[in-house]
Amino acid sequence: GLVQAGGSLRLACVVSGTIFGINTMD
């Protein structure tokens, strides 16, 4: 989103589906 300098945001990334073995998340 839009934030002023000095502010904070928290991003999230949700993984769905059939996955075997998530190693690194970037």
mmCIF file of all heavy atoms, coordinates in Angstrom:
data_MODEL
# 
_entry.id   MODEL 
# 
loop_
_atom_site.group_PDB 
_atom_site.id 
_atom_site.type_symbol 
_atom_site.label_atom_id 
_atom_site.label_alt_id 
_atom_site.label_comp_id 
_atom_site.label_asym_id 
_atom_site.label_entity_id 
_atom_site.label_seq_id 
_atom_site.pdbx_PDB_ins_code 
_atom_site.Cartn_x 
_atom_site.Cartn_y 
_atom_site.Cartn_z 
_atom_site.occupancy 
_atom_site.B_iso_or_equiv 
_atom_site.pdbx_formal_charge 
_atom_site.auth_seq_id 
_atom_site.auth_comp_id 
_atom_site.auth_asym_id 
_atom_site.auth_atom_id 
_atom_site.pdbx_PDB_model_num 
ATOM 1   N N   . GLY A 1 1  ? 0.812  -1.195  0.000  1.00 0.00 ? 1  GLY A N   1 
ATOM 2   C CA  . GLY A 1 1  ? 0.000  0.000   0.000  1.00 0.00 ? 1  GLY A CA  1 
ATOM 3   C C   . GLY A 1 1  ? 0.845  1.242   0.000  1.00 0.00 ? 1  GLY A C   1 
ATOM 4   O O   . GLY A 1 1  ? 2.047  1.203   -0.278 1.00 0.00 ? 1  GLY A O   1 
ATOM 5   N N   . LEU A 1 2  ? 0.189  2.353   0.330  1.00 0.00 ? 2  LEU A N   1 
ATOM 6   C CA  . LEU A 1 2  ? 0.842  3.656   0.380  1.00 0.00 ? 2  LEU A CA  1 
ATOM 7   C C   . LEU A 1 2  ? 1.108  4.019   1.829  1.00 0.00 ? 2  LEU A C   1 
ATOM 8   O O   . LEU A 1 2  ? 0.195  3.945   2.664  1.00 0.00 ? 2  LEU A O   1 
ATOM 9   C CB  . LEU A 1 2  ? -0.059 4.701   -0.275 1.00 0.00 ? 2  LEU A CB  1 
ATOM 10  C CG  . LEU A 1 2  ? 0.410  6.156   -0.201 1.00 0.00 ? 2  LEU A CG  1 
ATOM 11  C CD1 . LEU A 1 2  ? 1.724  6.331   -0.960 1.00 0.00 ? 2  LEU A CD1 1 
ATOM 12  C CD2 . LEU A 1 2  ? -0.666 7.079   -0.767 1.00 0.00 ? 2  LEU A CD2 1 
ATOM 13  N N   . VAL A 1 3  ? 2.327  4.406   2.117  1.00 0.00 ? 3  VAL A N   1 
ATOM 14  C CA  . VAL A 1 3  ? 2.705  4.767   3.481  1.00 0.00 ? 3  VAL A CA  1 
ATOM 15  C C   . VAL A 1 3  ? 3.661  5.949   3.435  1.00 0.00 ? 3  VAL A C   1 
ATOM 16  O O   . VAL A 1 3  ? 4.402  6.126   2.456  1.00 0.00 ? 3  VAL A O   1 
ATOM 17  C CB  . VAL A 1 3  ? 3.341  3.554   4.201  1.00 0.00 ? 3  VAL A CB  1 
ATOM 18  C CG1 . VAL A 1 3  ? 4.643  3.139   3.535  1.00 0.00 ? 3  VAL A CG1 1 
ATOM 19  C CG2 . VAL A 1 3  ? 3.535  3.814   5.679  1.00 0.00 ? 3  VAL A CG2 1 
ATOM 20  N N   . GLN A 1 4  ? 3.633  6.764   4.461  1.00 0.00 ? 4  GLN A N   1 
ATOM 21  C CA  . GLN A 1 4  ? 4.565  7.885   4.545  1.00 0.00 ? 4  GLN A CA  1 
ATOM 22  C C   . GLN A 1 4  ? 5.943  7.411   4.985  1.00 0.00 ? 4  GLN A C   1 
ATOM 23  O O   . GLN A 1 4  ? 6.075  6.389   5.680  1.00 0.00 ? 4  GLN A O   1 
ATOM 24  C CB  . GLN A 1 4  ? 4.045  8.939   5.513  1.00 0.00 ? 4  GLN A CB  1 
ATOM 25  C CG  . GLN A 1 4  ? 2.848  9.724   4.985  1.00 0.00 ? 4  GLN A CG  1 
ATOM 26  C CD  . GLN A 1 4  ? 2.473  10.875  5.896  1.00 0.00 ? 4  GLN A CD  1 
ATOM 27  O OE1 . GLN A 1 4  ? 2.708  10.830  7.093  1.00 0.00 ? 4  GLN A OE1 1 
ATOM 28  N NE2 . GLN A 1 4  ? 1.889  11.907  5.314  1.00 0.00 ? 4  GLN A NE2 1 
ATOM 29  N N   . ALA A 1 5  ? 6.939  8.160   4.611  1.00 0.00 ? 5  ALA A N   1 
ATOM 30  C CA  . ALA A 1 5  ? 8.306  7.845   5.038  1.00 0.00 ? 5  ALA A CA  1 
ATOM 31  C C   . ALA A 1 5  ? 8.355  7.761   6.567  1.00 0.00 ? 5  ALA A C   1 
ATOM 32  O O   . ALA A 1 5  ? 7.743  8.569   7.265  1.00 0.00 ? 5  ALA A O   1 
ATOM 33  C CB  . ALA A 1 5  ? 9.273  8.904   4.527  1.00 0.00 ? 5  ALA A CB  1 
ATOM 34  N N   . GLY A 1 6  ? 9.055  6.755   7.036  1.00 0.00 ? 6  GLY A N   1 
ATOM 35  C CA  . GLY A 1 6  ? 9.132  6.502   8.470  1.00 0.00 ? 6  GLY A CA  1 
ATOM 36  C C   . GLY A 1 6  ? 8.109  5.515   8.983  1.00 0.00 ? 6  GLY A C   1 
ATOM 37  O O   . GLY A 1 6  ? 8.209  5.043   10.124 1.00 0.00 ? 6  GLY A O   1 
ATOM 38  N N   . GLY A 1 7  ? 7.146  5.202   8.152  1.00 0.00 ? 7  GLY A N   1 
ATOM 39  C CA  . GLY A 1 7  ? 6.096  4.273   8.546  1.00 0.00 ? 7  GLY A CA  1 
ATOM 40  C C   . GLY A 1 7  ? 6.487  2.823   8.385  1.00 0.00 ? 7  GLY A C   1 
ATOM 41  O O   . GLY A 1 7  ? 7.633  2.501   8.030  1.00 0.00 ? 7  GLY A O   1 
ATOM 42  N N   . SER A 1 8  ? 5.528  1.955   8.661  1.00 0.00 ? 8  SER A N   1 
ATOM 43  C CA  . SER A 1 8  ? 5.769  0.511   8.617  1.00 0.00 ? 8  SER A CA  1 
ATOM 44  C C   . SER A 1 8  ? 4.680  -0.186  7.814  1.00 0.00 ? 8  SER A C   1 
ATOM 45  O O   . SER A 1 8  ? 3.550  0.291   7.733  1.00 0.00 ? 8  SER A O   1 
ATOM 46  C CB  . SER A 1 8  ? 5.783  -0.067  10.041 1.00 0.00 ? 8  SER A CB  1 
ATOM 47  O OG  . SER A 1 8  ? 6.824  0.480   10.814 1.00 0.00 ? 8  SER A OG  1 
ATOM 48  N N   . LEU A 1 9  ? 5.051  -1.310  7.253  1.00 0.00 ? 9  LEU A N   1 
ATOM 49  C CA  . LEU A 1 9  ? 4.112  -2.213  6.603  1.00 0.00 ? 9  LEU A CA  1 
ATOM 50  C C   . LEU A 1 9  ? 4.539  -3.637  6.896  1.00 0.00 ? 9  LEU A C   1 
ATOM 51  O O   . LEU A 1 9  ? 5.729  -3.914  7.079  1.00 0.00 ? 9  LEU A O   1 
ATOM 52  C CB  . LEU A 1 9  ? 4.088  -2.008  5.092  1.00 0.00 ? 9  LEU A CB  1 
ATOM 53  C CG  . LEU A 1 9  ? 3.383  -0.776  4.527  1.00 0.00 ? 9  LEU A CG  1 
ATOM 54  C CD1 . LEU A 1 9  ? 3.589  -0.694  3.028  1.00 0.00 ? 9  LEU A CD1 1 
ATOM 55  C CD2 . LEU A 1 9  ? 1.900  -0.803  4.852  1.00 0.00 ? 9  LEU A CD2 1 
ATOM 56  N N   . ARG A 1 10 ? 3.556  -4.530  6.893  1.00 0.00 ? 10 ARG A N   1 
ATOM 57  C CA  . ARG A 1 10 ? 3.848  -5.952  7.038  1.00 0.00 ? 10 ARG A CA  1 
ATOM 58  C C   . ARG A 1 10 ? 3.255  -6.691  5.854  1.00 0.00 ? 10 ARG A C   1 
ATOM 59  O O   . ARG A 1 10 ? 2.033  -6.696  5.667  1.00 0.00 ? 10 ARG A O   1 
ATOM 60  C CB  . ARG A 1 10 ? 3.271  -6.505  8.332  1.00 0.00 ? 10 ARG A CB  1 
ATOM 61  C CG  . ARG A 1 10 ? 3.719  -7.939  8.641  1.00 0.00 ? 10 ARG A CG  1 
ATOM 62  C CD  . ARG A 1 10 ? 2.960  -8.511  9.793  1.00 0.00 ? 10 ARG A CD  1 
ATOM 63  N NE  . ARG A 1 10 ? 3.545  -9.754  10.305 1.00 0.00 ? 10 ARG A NE  1 
ATOM 64  C CZ  . ARG A 1 10 ? 2.843  -10.745 10.831 1.00 0.00 ? 10 ARG A CZ  1 
ATOM 65  N NH1 . ARG A 1 10 ? 1.530  -10.649 10.920 1.00 0.00 ? 10 ARG A NH1 1 
ATOM 66  N NH2 . ARG A 1 10 ? 3.459  -11.829 11.288 1.00 0.00 ? 10 ARG A NH2 1 
ATOM 67  N N   . LEU A 1 11 ? 4.107  -7.286  5.074  1.00 0.00 ? 11 LEU A N   1 
ATOM 68  C CA  . LEU A 1 11 ? 3.673  -8.068  3.931  1.00 0.00 ? 11 LEU A CA  1 
ATOM 69  C C   . LEU A 1 11 ? 3.514  -9.530  4.341  1.00 0.00 ? 11 LEU A C   1 
ATOM 70  O O   . LEU A 1 11 ? 4.233  -10.021 5.215  1.00 0.00 ? 11 LEU A O   1 
ATOM 71  C CB  . LEU A 1 11 ? 4.677  -7.984  2.792  1.00 0.00 ? 11 LEU A CB  1 
ATOM 72  C CG  . LEU A 1 11 ? 5.073  -6.588  2.312  1.00 0.00 ? 11 LEU A CG  1 
ATOM 73  C CD1 . LEU A 1 11 ? 6.022  -6.695  1.126  1.00 0.00 ? 11 LEU A CD1 1 
ATOM 74  C CD2 . LEU A 1 11 ? 3.860  -5.760  1.961  1.00 0.00 ? 11 LEU A CD2 1 
ATOM 75  N N   . ALA A 1 12 ? 2.583  -10.186 3.691  1.00 0.00 ? 12 ALA A N   1 
ATOM 76  C CA  . ALA A 1 12 ? 2.386  -11.614 3.902  1.00 0.00 ? 12 ALA A CA  1 
ATOM 77  C C   . ALA A 1 12 ? 2.278  -12.301 2.547  1.00 0.00 ? 12 ALA A C   1 
ATOM 78  O O   . ALA A 1 12 ? 1.780  -11.724 1.582  1.00 0.00 ? 12 ALA A O   1 
ATOM 79  C CB  . ALA A 1 12 ? 1.131  -11.877 4.724  1.00 0.00 ? 12 ALA A CB  1 
ATOM 80  N N   . CYS A 1 13 ? 2.733  -13.520 2.486  1.00 0.00 ? 13 CYS A N   1 
ATOM 81  C CA  . CYS A 1 13 ? 2.631  -14.318 1.269  1.00 0.00 ? 13 CYS A CA  1 
ATOM 82  C C   . CYS A 1 13 ? 2.156  -15.705 1.676  1.00 0.00 ? 13 CYS A C   1 
ATOM 83  O O   . CYS A 1 13 ? 2.874  -16.428 2.389  1.00 0.00 ? 13 CYS A O   1 
ATOM 84  C CB  . CYS A 1 13 ? 3.969  -14.398 0.562  1.00 0.00 ? 13 CYS A CB  1 
ATOM 85  S SG  . CYS A 1 13 ? 4.007  -15.513 -0.859 1.00 0.00 ? 13 CYS A SG  1 
ATOM 86  N N   . VAL A 1 14 ? 0.967  -16.046 1.222  1.00 0.00 ? 14 VAL A N   1 
ATOM 87  C CA  . VAL A 1 14 ? 0.369  -17.338 1.556  1.00 0.00 ? 14 VAL A CA  1 
ATOM 88  C C   . VAL A 1 14 ? 0.527  -18.278 0.374  1.00 0.00 ? 14 VAL A C   1 
ATOM 89  O O   . VAL A 1 14 ? 0.167  -17.930 -0.765 1.00 0.00 ? 14 VAL A O   1 
ATOM 90  C CB  . VAL A 1 14 ? -1.115 -17.182 1.917  1.00 0.00 ? 14 VAL A CB  1 
ATOM 91  C CG1 . VAL A 1 14 ? -1.721 -18.541 2.246  1.00 0.00 ? 14 VAL A CG1 1 
ATOM 92  C CG2 . VAL A 1 14 ? -1.283 -16.233 3.088  1.00 0.00 ? 14 VAL A CG2 1 
ATOM 93  N N   . VAL A 1 15 ? 1.030  -19.451 0.652  1.00 0.00 ? 15 VAL A N   1 
ATOM 94  C CA  . VAL A 1 15 ? 1.243  -20.465 -0.381 1.00 0.00 ? 15 VAL A CA  1 
ATOM 95  C C   . VAL A 1 15 ? 0.150  -21.512 -0.281 1.00 0.00 ? 15 VAL A C   1 
ATOM 96  O O   . VAL A 1 15 ? -0.101 -22.062 0.794  1.00 0.00 ? 15 VAL A O   1 
ATOM 97  C CB  . VAL A 1 15 ? 2.619  -21.140 -0.211 1.00 0.00 ? 15 VAL A CB  1 
ATOM 98  C CG1 . VAL A 1 15 ? 2.848  -22.156 -1.328 1.00 0.00 ? 15 VAL A CG1 1 
ATOM 99  C CG2 . VAL A 1 15 ? 3.728  -20.107 -0.191 1.00 0.00 ? 15 VAL A CG2 1 
ATOM 100 N N   . SER A 1 16 ? -0.514 -21.773 -1.387 1.00 0.00 ? 16 SER A N   1 
ATOM 101 C CA  . SER A 1 16 ? -1.561 -22.785 -1.408 1.00 0.00 ? 16 SER A CA  1 
ATOM 102 C C   . SER A 1 16 ? -1.287 -23.790 -2.517 1.00 0.00 ? 16 SER A C   1 
ATOM 103 O O   . SER A 1 16 ? -0.530 -23.520 -3.441 1.00 0.00 ? 16 SER A O   1 
ATOM 104 C CB  . SER A 1 16 ? -2.932 -22.141 -1.591 1.00 0.00 ? 16 SER A CB  1 
ATOM 105 O OG  . SER A 1 16 ? -2.991 -21.465 -2.833 1.00 0.00 ? 16 SER A OG  1 
ATOM 106 N N   . GLY A 1 17 ? -1.960 -24.934 -2.415 1.00 0.00 ? 17 GLY A N   1 
ATOM 107 C CA  . GLY A 1 17 ? -1.771 -25.978 -3.411 1.00 0.00 ? 17 GLY A CA  1 
ATOM 108 C C   . GLY A 1 17 ? -0.953 -27.122 -2.842 1.00 0.00 ? 17 GLY A C   1 
ATOM 109 O O   . GLY A 1 17 ? -0.489 -27.080 -1.707 1.00 0.00 ? 17 GLY A O   1 
ATOM 110 N N   . THR A 1 18 ? -0.767 -28.105 -3.657 1.00 0.00 ? 18 THR A N   1 
ATOM 111 C CA  . THR A 1 18 ? -0.029 -29.293 -3.242 1.00 0.00 ? 18 THR A CA  1 
ATOM 112 C C   . THR A 1 18 ? 1.457  -29.076 -3.470 1.00 0.00 ? 18 THR A C   1 
ATOM 113 O O   . THR A 1 18 ? 1.907  -28.944 -4.606 1.00 0.00 ? 18 THR A O   1 
ATOM 114 C CB  . THR A 1 18 ? -0.498 -30.521 -4.024 1.00 0.00 ? 18 THR A CB  1 
ATOM 115 O OG1 . THR A 1 18 ? -1.903 -30.703 -3.804 1.00 0.00 ? 18 THR A OG1 1 
ATOM 116 C CG2 . THR A 1 18 ? 0.252  -31.755 -3.543 1.00 0.00 ? 18 THR A CG2 1 
ATOM 117 N N   . ILE A 1 19 ? 2.187  -29.035 -2.376 1.00 0.00 ? 19 ILE A N   1 
ATOM 118 C CA  . ILE A 1 19 ? 3.630  -28.796 -2.445 1.00 0.00 ? 19 ILE A CA  1 
ATOM 119 C C   . ILE A 1 19 ? 4.325  -29.813 -1.564 1.00 0.00 ? 19 ILE A C   1 
ATOM 120 O O   . ILE A 1 19 ? 3.881  -30.077 -0.445 1.00 0.00 ? 19 ILE A O   1 
ATOM 121 C CB  . ILE A 1 19 ? 4.002  -27.386 -1.954 1.00 0.00 ? 19 ILE A CB  1 
ATOM 122 C CG1 . ILE A 1 19 ? 3.244  -26.326 -2.741 1.00 0.00 ? 19 ILE A CG1 1 
ATOM 123 C CG2 . ILE A 1 19 ? 5.492  -27.159 -2.045 1.00 0.00 ? 19 ILE A CG2 1 
ATOM 124 C CD1 . ILE A 1 19 ? 3.467  -24.931 -2.249 1.00 0.00 ? 19 ILE A CD1 1 
ATOM 125 N N   . PHE A 1 20 ? 5.404  -30.348 -2.063 1.00 0.00 ? 20 PHE A N   1 
ATOM 126 C CA  . PHE A 1 20 ? 6.194  -31.277 -1.271 1.00 0.00 ? 20 PHE A CA  1 
ATOM 127 C C   . PHE A 1 20 ? 7.524  -30.633 -0.954 1.00 0.00 ? 20 PHE A C   1 
ATOM 128 O O   . PHE A 1 20 ? 8.396  -30.527 -1.791 1.00 0.00 ? 20 PHE A O   1 
ATOM 129 C CB  . PHE A 1 20 ? 6.380  -32.581 -2.028 1.00 0.00 ? 20 PHE A CB  1 
ATOM 130 C CG  . PHE A 1 20 ? 5.087  -33.288 -2.317 1.00 0.00 ? 20 PHE A CG  1 
ATOM 131 C CD1 . PHE A 1 20 ? 4.492  -33.197 -3.565 1.00 0.00 ? 20 PHE A CD1 1 
ATOM 132 C CD2 . PHE A 1 20 ? 4.439  -34.009 -1.334 1.00 0.00 ? 20 PHE A CD2 1 
ATOM 133 C CE1 . PHE A 1 20 ? 3.292  -33.829 -3.833 1.00 0.00 ? 20 PHE A CE1 1 
ATOM 134 C CE2 . PHE A 1 20 ? 3.243  -34.655 -1.591 1.00 0.00 ? 20 PHE A CE2 1 
ATOM 135 C CZ  . PHE A 1 20 ? 2.662  -34.554 -2.836 1.00 0.00 ? 20 PHE A CZ  1 
ATOM 136 N N   . GLY A 1 21 ? 7.619  -30.134 0.258  1.00 0.00 ? 21 GLY A N   1 
ATOM 137 C CA  . GLY A 1 21 ? 8.915  -29.650 0.708  1.00 0.00 ? 21 GLY A CA  1 
ATOM 138 C C   . GLY A 1 21 ? 9.262  -28.242 0.291  1.00 0.00 ? 21 GLY A C   1 
ATOM 139 O O   . GLY A 1 21 ? 9.967  -28.026 -0.691 1.00 0.00 ? 21 GLY A O   1 
ATOM 140 N N   . ILE A 1 22 ? 8.749  -27.262 1.033  1.00 0.00 ? 22 ILE A N   1 
ATOM 141 C CA  . ILE A 1 22 ? 9.180  -25.885 0.815  1.00 0.00 ? 22 ILE A CA  1 
ATOM 142 C C   . ILE A 1 22 ? 10.493 -25.696 1.552  1.00 0.00 ? 22 ILE A C   1 
ATOM 143 O O   . ILE A 1 22 ? 10.574 -25.901 2.760  1.00 0.00 ? 22 ILE A O   1 
ATOM 144 C CB  . ILE A 1 22 ? 8.145  -24.878 1.321  1.00 0.00 ? 22 ILE A CB  1 
ATOM 145 C CG1 . ILE A 1 22 ? 6.819  -25.047 0.572  1.00 0.00 ? 22 ILE A CG1 1 
ATOM 146 C CG2 . ILE A 1 22 ? 8.673  -23.459 1.148  1.00 0.00 ? 22 ILE A CG2 1 
ATOM 147 C CD1 . ILE A 1 22 ? 5.724  -24.136 1.086  1.00 0.00 ? 22 ILE A CD1 1 
ATOM 148 N N   . ASN A 1 23 ? 11.498 -25.306 0.838  1.00 0.00 ? 23 ASN A N   1 
ATOM 149 C CA  . ASN A 1 23 ? 12.787 -25.052 1.469  1.00 0.00 ? 23 ASN A CA  1 
ATOM 150 C C   . ASN A 1 23 ? 12.898 -23.577 1.822  1.00 0.00 ? 23 ASN A C   1 
ATOM 151 O O   . ASN A 1 23 ? 12.330 -23.118 2.785  1.00 0.00 ? 23 ASN A O   1 
ATOM 152 C CB  . ASN A 1 23 ? 13.912 -25.537 0.573  1.00 0.00 ? 23 ASN A CB  1 
ATOM 153 C CG  . ASN A 1 23 ? 13.855 -27.046 0.386  1.00 0.00 ? 23 ASN A CG  1 
ATOM 154 O OD1 . ASN A 1 23 ? 13.529 -27.792 1.302  1.00 0.00 ? 23 ASN A OD1 1 
ATOM 155 N ND2 . ASN A 1 23 ? 14.129 -27.504 -0.810 1.00 0.00 ? 23 ASN A ND2 1 
ATOM 156 N N   . THR A 1 24 ? 13.547 -22.812 0.995  1.00 0.00 ? 24 THR A N   1 
ATOM 157 C CA  . THR A 1 24 ? 13.738 -21.399 1.284  1.00 0.00 ? 24 THR A CA  1 
ATOM 158 C C   . THR A 1 24 ? 12.545 -20.590 0.799  1.00 0.00 ? 24 THR A C   1 
ATOM 159 O O   . THR A 1 24 ? 11.965 -20.882 -0.242 1.00 0.00 ? 24 THR A O   1 
ATOM 160 C CB  . THR A 1 24 ? 15.018 -20.902 0.606  1.00 0.00 ? 24 THR A CB  1 
ATOM 161 O OG1 . THR A 1 24 ? 16.118 -21.693 1.051  1.00 0.00 ? 24 THR A OG1 1 
ATOM 162 C CG2 . THR A 1 24 ? 15.285 -19.458 0.955  1.00 0.00 ? 24 THR A CG2 1 
ATOM 163 N N   . MET A 1 25 ? 12.189 -19.568 1.577  1.00 0.00 ? 25 MET A N   1 
ATOM 164 C CA  . MET A 1 25 ? 11.150 -18.609 1.193  1.00 0.00 ? 25 MET A CA  1 
ATOM 165 C C   . MET A 1 25 ? 11.818 -17.242 1.122  1.00 0.00 ? 25 MET A C   1 
ATOM 166 O O   . MET A 1 25 ? 12.569 -16.860 2.031  1.00 0.00 ? 25 MET A O   1 
ATOM 167 C CB  . MET A 1 25 ? 10.004 -18.615 2.200  1.00 0.00 ? 25 MET A CB  1 
ATOM 168 C CG  . MET A 1 25 ? 9.400  -20.000 2.418  1.00 0.00 ? 25 MET A CG  1 
ATOM 169 S SD  . MET A 1 25 ? 8.027  -20.026 3.595  1.00 0.00 ? 25 MET A SD  1 
ATOM 170 C CE  . MET A 1 25 ? 6.648  -19.597 2.524  1.00 0.00 ? 25 MET A CE  1 
ATOM 171 N N   . ASP A 1 26 ? 11.567 -16.536 0.044  1.00 0.00 ? 26 ASP A N   1 
ATOM 172 C CA  . ASP A 1 26 ? 12.285 -15.291 -0.239 1.00 0.00 ? 26 ASP A CA  1 
ATOM 173 C C   . ASP A 1 26 ? 11.320 -14.134 -0.478 1.00 0.00 ? 26 ASP A C   1 
ATOM 174 O O   . ASP A 1 26 ? 10.184 -14.336 -0.906 1.00 0.00 ? 26 ASP A O   1 
ATOM 175 C CB  . ASP A 1 26 ? 13.118 -15.413 -1.522 1.00 0.00 ? 26 ASP A CB  1 
ATOM 176 C CG  . ASP A 1 26 ? 13.841 -16.728 -1.675 1.00 0.00 ? 26 ASP A CG  1 
ATOM 177 O OD1 . ASP A 1 26 ? 14.334 -17.254 -0.663 1.00 0.00 ? 26 ASP A OD1 1 
ATOM 178 O OD2 . ASP A 1 26 ? 13.917 -17.216 -2.807 1.00 0.00 ? 26 ASP A OD2 1 
# 
